[in-house]
Amino acid sequence: MSDTVIKFTELEMQDIAKLQANYQQKIFELGQLELAKVELEQQQSDLTDSRNKLFEEWKRIQAQENSLLKQLSDKYGDGTLSLKDGTFKPIAQ
């Protein structure tokens, strides 16, 4: 092996420095994108949780509706309820 040391030219050193800077910039940008992705995943998780809670509340309201309709049906029989004027019209038997 030779003990000869070759020194790069100033232009070659600038090119190497540019490449290193470009790599560092891209690594930084990839990190930013990854953080943005994590934030979006958290938002998606939060939205899914909110959707699930709303759906559970909707099912609870449906159960309340069914319970009320059963109570009214047991008390008044089958018929038609008008929420507009609060009247009930029984079905003729």
C-alpha atoms as a PDB file:
ATOM      1  CA  MET A   1       0.000   0.000   0.000  1.00  0.00           C
ATOM      2  CA  SER A   2       1.056   3.481  -0.715  1.00  0.00           C
ATOM      3  CA  ASP A   3       1.403   6.143   1.950  1.00  0.00           C
ATOM      4  CA  THR A   4       0.474   8.785  -0.568  1.00  0.00           C
ATOM      5  CA  VAL A   5      -2.331  11.103   0.557  1.00  0.00           C
ATOM      6  CA  ILE A   6      -4.459  12.744  -2.076  1.00  0.00           C
ATOM      7  CA  LYS A   7      -6.194  15.954  -1.184  1.00  0.00           C
ATOM      8  CA  PHE A   8      -9.575  16.707  -2.734  1.00  0.00           C
ATOM      9  CA  THR A   9      -9.978  19.931  -4.629  1.00  0.00           C
ATOM     10  CA  GLU A  10     -12.036  22.764  -3.174  1.00  0.00           C
ATOM     11  CA  LEU A  11     -14.755  22.081  -5.782  1.00  0.00           C
ATOM     12  CA  GLU A  12     -14.849  18.388  -4.850  1.00  0.00           C
ATOM     13  CA  MET A  13     -15.114  19.293  -1.159  1.00  0.00           C
ATOM     14  CA  GLN A  14     -17.986  21.660  -1.957  1.00  0.00           C
ATOM     15  CA  ASP A  15     -19.761  18.892  -3.885  1.00  0.00           C
ATOM     16  CA  ILE A  16     -19.307  16.486  -0.963  1.00  0.00           C
ATOM     17  CA  ALA A  17     -20.553  19.125   1.490  1.00  0.00           C
ATOM     18  CA  LYS A  18     -23.613  19.766  -0.739  1.00  0.00           C
ATOM     19  CA  LEU A  19     -24.429  16.064  -0.811  1.00  0.00           C
ATOM     20  CA  GLN A  20     -24.132  15.816   2.961  1.00  0.00           C
ATOM     21  CA  ALA A  21     -26.358  18.871   3.408  1.00  0.00           C
ATOM     22  CA  ASN A  22     -28.913  17.406   0.993  1.00  0.00           C
ATOM     23  CA  TYR A  23     -28.930  14.108   2.900  1.00  0.00           C
ATOM     24  CA  GLN A  24     -29.380  15.932   6.196  1.00  0.00           C
ATOM     25  CA  GLN A  25     -32.215  18.019   4.745  1.00  0.00           C
ATOM     26  CA  LYS A  26     -33.991  14.929   3.430  1.00  0.00           C
ATOM     27  CA  ILE A  27     -33.569  13.144   6.764  1.00  0.00           C
ATOM     28  CA  PHE A  28     -35.077  16.195   8.473  1.00  0.00           C
ATOM     29  CA  GLU A  29     -37.984  16.293   5.988  1.00  0.00           C
ATOM     30  CA  LEU A  30     -38.594  12.545   6.426  1.00  0.00           C
ATOM     31  CA  GLY A  31     -38.706  13.100  10.180  1.00  0.00           C
ATOM     32  CA  GLN A  32     -41.244  15.894   9.741  1.00  0.00           C
ATOM     33  CA  LEU A  33     -43.383  13.668   7.530  1.00  0.00           C
ATOM     34  CA  GLU A  34     -43.214  10.854  10.056  1.00  0.00           C
ATOM     35  CA  LEU A  35     -44.329  13.200  12.827  1.00  0.00           C
ATOM     36  CA  ALA A  36     -47.175  14.472  10.643  1.00  0.00           C
ATOM     37  CA  LYS A  37     -48.177  10.858   9.992  1.00  0.00           C
ATOM     38  CA  VAL A  38     -48.194  10.112  13.726  1.00  0.00           C
ATOM     39  CA  GLU A  39     -50.374  13.184  14.335  1.00  0.00           C
ATOM     40  CA  LEU A  40     -52.798  12.101  11.601  1.00  0.00           C
ATOM     41  CA  GLU A  41     -52.959   8.598  13.042  1.00  0.00           C
ATOM     42  CA  GLN A  42     -53.763  10.094  16.453  1.00  0.00           C
ATOM     43  CA  GLN A  43     -56.471  12.278  14.902  1.00  0.00           C
ATOM     44  CA  GLN A  44     -57.895   9.233  13.140  1.00  0.00           C
ATOM     45  CA  SER A  45     -57.880   7.311  16.417  1.00  0.00           C
ATOM     46  CA  ASP A  46     -59.595  10.220  18.189  1.00  0.00           C
ATOM     47  CA  LEU A  47     -62.225  10.445  15.436  1.00  0.00           C
ATOM     48  CA  THR A  48     -62.834   6.707  15.611  1.00  0.00           C
ATOM     49  CA  ASP A  49     -63.257   6.941  19.398  1.00  0.00           C
ATOM     50  CA  SER A  50     -65.682   9.854  19.024  1.00  0.00           C
ATOM     51  CA  ARG A  51     -67.624   7.980  16.331  1.00  0.00           C
ATOM     52  CA  ASN A  52     -67.859   4.894  18.528  1.00  0.00           C
ATOM     53  CA  LYS A  53     -69.093   6.951  21.503  1.00  0.00           C
ATOM     54  CA  LEU A  54     -71.715   8.665  19.342  1.00  0.00           C
ATOM     55  CA  PHE A  55     -72.842   5.324  17.942  1.00  0.00           C
ATOM     56  CA  GLU A  56     -73.196   3.939  21.487  1.00  0.00           C
ATOM     57  CA  GLU A  57     -75.244   7.001  22.466  1.00  0.00           C
ATOM     58  CA  TRP A  58     -77.385   6.527  19.363  1.00  0.00           C
ATOM     59  CA  LYS A  59     -78.039   2.894  20.330  1.00  0.00           C
ATOM     60  CA  ARG A  60     -78.911   4.007  23.872  1.00  0.00           C
ATOM     61  CA  ILE A  61     -81.410   6.540  22.491  1.00  0.00           C
ATOM     62  CA  GLN A  62     -82.921   3.826  20.292  1.00  0.00           C
ATOM     63  CA  ALA A  63     -83.369   1.632  23.368  1.00  0.00           C
ATOM     64  CA  GLN A  64     -85.041   4.546  25.196  1.00  0.00           C
ATOM     65  CA  GLU A  65     -87.328   5.064  22.209  1.00  0.00           C
ATOM     66  CA  ASN A  66     -88.280   1.403  22.127  1.00  0.00           C
ATOM     67  CA  SER A  67     -88.946   1.434  25.864  1.00  0.00           C
ATOM     68  CA  LEU A  68     -91.154   4.530  25.600  1.00  0.00           C
ATOM     69  CA  LEU A  69     -93.057   3.098  22.638  1.00  0.00           C
ATOM     70  CA  LYS A  70     -93.662  -0.115  24.585  1.00  0.00           C
ATOM     71  CA  GLN A  71     -94.920   1.868  27.596  1.00  0.00           C
ATOM     72  CA  LEU A  72     -97.274   3.906  25.415  1.00  0.00           C
ATOM     73  CA  SER A  73     -98.437   0.816  23.549  1.00  0.00           C
ATOM     74  CA  ASP A  74     -99.103  -1.004  26.837  1.00  0.00           C
ATOM     75  CA  LYS A  75    -101.055   1.988  28.161  1.00  0.00           C
ATOM     76  CA  TYR A  76    -102.952   3.051  25.021  1.00  0.00           C
ATOM     77  CA  GLY A  77    -102.766   0.059  22.679  1.00  0.00           C
ATOM     78  CA  ASP A  78    -101.719   0.198  19.052  1.00  0.00           C
ATOM     79  CA  GLY A  79    -102.278   3.387  17.133  1.00  0.00           C
ATOM     80  CA  THR A  80    -100.749   6.491  15.647  1.00  0.00           C
ATOM     81  CA  LEU A  81     -99.019   9.184  17.638  1.00  0.00           C
ATOM     82  CA  SER A  82     -98.901  12.758  16.361  1.00  0.00           C
ATOM     83  CA  LEU A  83     -95.974  14.651  17.846  1.00  0.00           C
ATOM     84  CA  LYS A  84     -97.243  17.804  16.143  1.00  0.00           C
ATOM     85  CA  ASP A  85    -100.255  18.160  18.426  1.00  0.00           C
ATOM     86  CA  GLY A  86     -99.550  15.483  21.056  1.00  0.00           C
ATOM     87  CA  THR A  87    -102.510  13.274  20.180  1.00  0.00           C
ATOM     88  CA  PHE A  88    -102.916   9.525  19.838  1.00  0.00           C
ATOM     89  CA  LYS A  89    -105.349   7.828  17.494  1.00  0.00           C
ATOM     90  CA  PRO A  90    -106.040   4.176  18.374  1.00  0.00           C
ATOM     91  CA  ILE A  91    -106.296   1.607  15.615  1.00  0.00           C
ATOM     92  CA  ALA A  92    -109.922   0.422  15.287  1.00  0.00           C
ATOM     93  CA  GLN A  93    -110.229  -3.198  16.375  1.00  0.00           C
END
